[in-house]
Amino acid sequence: MVEFPANGTTAGGYLAVPDGGRGPGVVVLQEWWGLVPQIKG
């Protein structure tokens, strides 16, 4: 889990990096209630 500044507060997210270094990027936006177990699964 990573934290980053967002709208005057701190937000959380996941950062996945491939073992081989750089790779293509993907942005995934979750539901408004955040990273609940259903979204993480």
PDB file of N, CA and C in Angstrom:
ATOM      1  N   MET A   1       0.847  -1.164   0.000  1.00  0.00           N
ATOM      2  CA  MET A   1       0.000   0.000   0.000  1.00  0.00           C
ATOM      3  C   MET A   1       0.896   1.230   0.000  1.00  0.00           C
ATOM      4  N   VAL A   2       0.522   2.225  -0.788  1.00  0.00           N
ATOM      5  CA  VAL A   2       1.244   3.491  -0.813  1.00  0.00           C
ATOM      6  C   VAL A   2       0.283   4.601  -0.421  1.00  0.00           C
ATOM      7  N   GLU A   3       0.816   5.704   0.082  1.00  0.00           N
ATOM      8  CA  GLU A   3       0.012   6.872   0.411  1.00  0.00           C
ATOM      9  C   GLU A   3       0.488   8.035  -0.437  1.00  0.00           C
ATOM     10  N   PHE A   4      -0.466   8.901  -0.828  1.00  0.00           N
ATOM     11  CA  PHE A   4      -0.133  10.059  -1.642  1.00  0.00           C
ATOM     12  C   PHE A   4      -1.068  11.204  -1.288  1.00  0.00           C
ATOM     13  N   PRO A   5      -0.608  12.464  -1.472  1.00  0.00           N
ATOM     14  CA  PRO A   5      -1.464  13.605  -1.160  1.00  0.00           C
ATOM     15  C   PRO A   5      -2.592  13.723  -2.178  1.00  0.00           C
ATOM     16  N   ALA A   6      -3.807  14.022  -1.681  1.00  0.00           N
ATOM     17  CA  ALA A   6      -4.960  14.169  -2.566  1.00  0.00           C
ATOM     18  C   ALA A   6      -5.975  15.112  -1.934  1.00  0.00           C
ATOM     19  N   ASN A   7      -6.187  16.245  -2.556  1.00  0.00           N
ATOM     20  CA  ASN A   7      -7.239  17.169  -2.122  1.00  0.00           C
ATOM     21  C   ASN A   7      -7.075  17.629  -0.676  1.00  0.00           C
ATOM     22  N   GLY A   8      -5.862  17.899  -0.253  1.00  0.00           N
ATOM     23  CA  GLY A   8      -5.608  18.384   1.094  1.00  0.00           C
ATOM     24  C   GLY A   8      -5.590  17.307   2.171  1.00  0.00           C
ATOM     25  N   THR A   9      -5.625  16.046   1.781  1.00  0.00           N
ATOM     26  CA  THR A   9      -5.582  14.934   2.729  1.00  0.00           C
ATOM     27  C   THR A   9      -4.627  13.875   2.190  1.00  0.00           C
ATOM     28  N   THR A  10      -4.598  12.719   2.797  1.00  0.00           N
ATOM     29  CA  THR A  10      -3.765  11.620   2.316  1.00  0.00           C
ATOM     30  C   THR A  10      -4.663  10.487   1.847  1.00  0.00           C
ATOM     31  N   ALA A  11      -4.391   9.973   0.668  1.00  0.00           N
ATOM     32  CA  ALA A  11      -5.150   8.852   0.110  1.00  0.00           C
ATOM     33  C   ALA A  11      -4.235   7.643   0.010  1.00  0.00           C
ATOM     34  N   GLY A  12      -4.836   6.461  -0.069  1.00  0.00           N
ATOM     35  CA  GLY A  12      -4.059   5.233  -0.169  1.00  0.00           C
ATOM     36  C   GLY A  12      -4.314   4.522  -1.479  1.00  0.00           C
ATOM     37  N   GLY A  13      -3.353   3.736  -1.907  1.00  0.00           N
ATOM     38  CA  GLY A  13      -3.499   2.961  -3.133  1.00  0.00           C
ATOM     39  C   GLY A  13      -2.463   1.856  -3.177  1.00  0.00           C
ATOM     40  N   TYR A  14      -2.516   1.075  -4.217  1.00  0.00           N
ATOM     41  CA  TYR A  14      -1.549  -0.001  -4.435  1.00  0.00           C
ATOM     42  C   TYR A  14      -0.635   0.370  -5.593  1.00  0.00           C
ATOM     43  N   LEU A  15       0.622   0.009  -5.489  1.00  0.00           N
ATOM     44  CA  LEU A  15       1.587   0.201  -6.561  1.00  0.00           C
ATOM     45  C   LEU A  15       2.231  -1.147  -6.826  1.00  0.00           C
ATOM     46  N   ALA A  16       2.054  -1.656  -8.028  1.00  0.00           N
ATOM     47  CA  ALA A  16       2.657  -2.930  -8.418  1.00  0.00           C
ATOM     48  C   ALA A  16       3.727  -2.658  -9.466  1.00  0.00           C
ATOM     49  N   VAL A  17       4.920  -3.176  -9.234  1.00  0.00           N
ATOM     50  CA  VAL A  17       6.044  -2.985 -10.146  1.00  0.00           C
ATOM     51  C   VAL A  17       6.526  -4.366 -10.581  1.00  0.00           C
ATOM     52  N   PRO A  18       6.685  -4.602 -11.898  1.00  0.00           N
ATOM     53  CA  PRO A  18       7.140  -5.916 -12.352  1.00  0.00           C
ATOM     54  C   PRO A  18       8.572  -6.205 -11.893  1.00  0.00           C
ATOM     55  N   ASP A  19       8.884  -7.475 -11.679  1.00  0.00           N
ATOM     56  CA  ASP A  19      10.221  -7.871 -11.234  1.00  0.00           C
ATOM     57  C   ASP A  19      11.307  -7.435 -12.208  1.00  0.00           C
ATOM     58  N   GLY A  20      10.985  -7.389 -13.491  1.00  0.00           N
ATOM     59  CA  GLY A  20      11.961  -7.046 -14.510  1.00  0.00           C
ATOM     60  C   GLY A  20      12.190  -5.556 -14.697  1.00  0.00           C
ATOM     61  N   GLY A  21      11.654  -4.729 -13.817  1.00  0.00           N
ATOM     62  CA  GLY A  21      11.845  -3.285 -13.951  1.00  0.00           C
ATOM     63  C   GLY A  21      10.610  -2.614 -14.516  1.00  0.00           C
ATOM     64  N   ARG A  22      10.817  -1.750 -15.494  1.00  0.00           N
ATOM     65  CA  ARG A  22       9.710  -0.977 -16.054  1.00  0.00           C
ATOM     66  C   ARG A  22       8.776  -1.840 -16.888  1.00  0.00           C
ATOM     67  N   GLY A  23       7.532  -1.408 -16.963  1.00  0.00           N
ATOM     68  CA  GLY A  23       6.532  -2.102 -17.765  1.00  0.00           C
ATOM     69  C   GLY A  23       5.398  -1.151 -18.091  1.00  0.00           C
ATOM     70  N   PRO A  24       4.375  -1.620 -18.791  1.00  0.00           N
ATOM     71  CA  PRO A  24       3.244  -0.753 -19.117  1.00  0.00           C
ATOM     72  C   PRO A  24       2.476  -0.373 -17.851  1.00  0.00           C
ATOM     73  N   GLY A  25       1.814   0.763 -17.883  1.00  0.00           N
ATOM     74  CA  GLY A  25       1.048   1.232 -16.727  1.00  0.00           C
ATOM     75  C   GLY A  25      -0.440   1.003 -16.896  1.00  0.00           C
ATOM     76  N   VAL A  26      -1.111   0.785 -15.786  1.00  0.00           N
ATOM     77  CA  VAL A  26      -2.561   0.615 -15.754  1.00  0.00           C
ATOM     78  C   VAL A  26      -3.097   1.424 -14.581  1.00  0.00           C
ATOM     79  N   VAL A  27      -4.124   2.215 -14.819  1.00  0.00           N
ATOM     80  CA  VAL A  27      -4.779   2.964 -13.749  1.00  0.00           C
ATOM     81  C   VAL A  27      -6.141   2.327 -13.509  1.00  0.00           C
ATOM     82  N   VAL A  28      -6.417   1.960 -12.263  1.00  0.00           N
ATOM     83  CA  VAL A  28      -7.694   1.345 -11.899  1.00  0.00           C
ATOM     84  C   VAL A  28      -8.361   2.239 -10.859  1.00  0.00           C
ATOM     85  N   LEU A  29      -9.579   2.635 -11.120  1.00  0.00           N
ATOM     86  CA  LEU A  29     -10.334   3.469 -10.183  1.00  0.00           C
ATOM     87  C   LEU A  29     -11.372   2.605  -9.485  1.00  0.00           C
ATOM     88  N   GLN A  30     -11.353   2.612  -8.150  1.00  0.00           N
ATOM     89  CA  GLN A  30     -12.290   1.797  -7.398  1.00  0.00           C
ATOM     90  C   GLN A  30     -13.528   2.597  -7.013  1.00  0.00           C
ATOM     91  N   GLU A  31     -14.472   1.932  -6.396  1.00  0.00           N
ATOM     92  CA  GLU A  31     -15.700   2.561  -5.923  1.00  0.00           C
ATOM     93  C   GLU A  31     -15.380   3.639  -4.897  1.00  0.00           C
ATOM     94  N   TRP A  32     -16.321   4.497  -4.602  1.00  0.00           N
ATOM     95  CA  TRP A  32     -16.096   5.642  -3.718  1.00  0.00           C
ATOM     96  C   TRP A  32     -15.725   5.254  -2.298  1.00  0.00           C
ATOM     97  N   TRP A  33     -16.091   4.057  -1.829  1.00  0.00           N
ATOM     98  CA  TRP A  33     -15.815   3.692  -0.438  1.00  0.00           C
ATOM     99  C   TRP A  33     -14.389   3.199  -0.238  1.00  0.00           C
ATOM    100  N   GLY A  34     -13.574   3.171  -1.273  1.00  0.00           N
ATOM    101  CA  GLY A  34     -12.152   2.894  -1.107  1.00  0.00           C
ATOM    102  C   GLY A  34     -11.754   1.451  -1.330  1.00  0.00           C
ATOM    103  N   LEU A  35     -10.627   1.088  -0.748  1.00  0.00           N
ATOM    104  CA  LEU A  35     -10.037  -0.234  -0.957  1.00  0.00           C
ATOM    105  C   LEU A  35     -10.562  -1.225   0.077  1.00  0.00           C
ATOM    106  N   VAL A  36     -11.810  -1.627  -0.088  1.00  0.00           N
ATOM    107  CA  VAL A  36     -12.416  -2.627   0.792  1.00  0.00           C
ATOM    108  C   VAL A  36     -11.970  -4.012   0.332  1.00  0.00           C
ATOM    109  N   PRO A  37     -12.122  -5.058   1.145  1.00  0.00           N
ATOM    110  CA  PRO A  37     -11.659  -6.395   0.772  1.00  0.00           C
ATOM    111  C   PRO A  37     -12.176  -6.880  -0.587  1.00  0.00           C
ATOM    112  N   GLN A  38     -13.404  -6.560  -0.928  1.00  0.00           N
ATOM    113  CA  GLN A  38     -13.949  -6.991  -2.220  1.00  0.00           C
ATOM    114  C   GLN A  38     -13.146  -6.403  -3.382  1.00  0.00           C
ATOM    115  N   ILE A  39     -12.744  -5.155  -3.280  1.00  0.00           N
ATOM    116  CA  ILE A  39     -11.971  -4.501  -4.337  1.00  0.00           C
ATOM    117  C   ILE A  39     -10.550  -5.069  -4.368  1.00  0.00           C
ATOM    118  N   LYS A  40      -9.955  -5.319  -3.204  1.00  0.00           N
ATOM    119  CA  LYS A  40      -8.598  -5.861  -3.141  1.00  0.00           C
ATOM    120  C   LYS A  40      -8.525  -7.271  -3.700  1.00  0.00           C
ATOM    121  N   GLY A  41      -9.610  -8.055  -3.539  1.00  0.00           N
ATOM    122  CA  GLY A  41      -9.621  -9.459  -3.924  1.00  0.00           C
ATOM    123  C   GLY A  41      -9.626  -9.659  -5.377  1.00  0.00           C
TER     124      GLY A  41
END
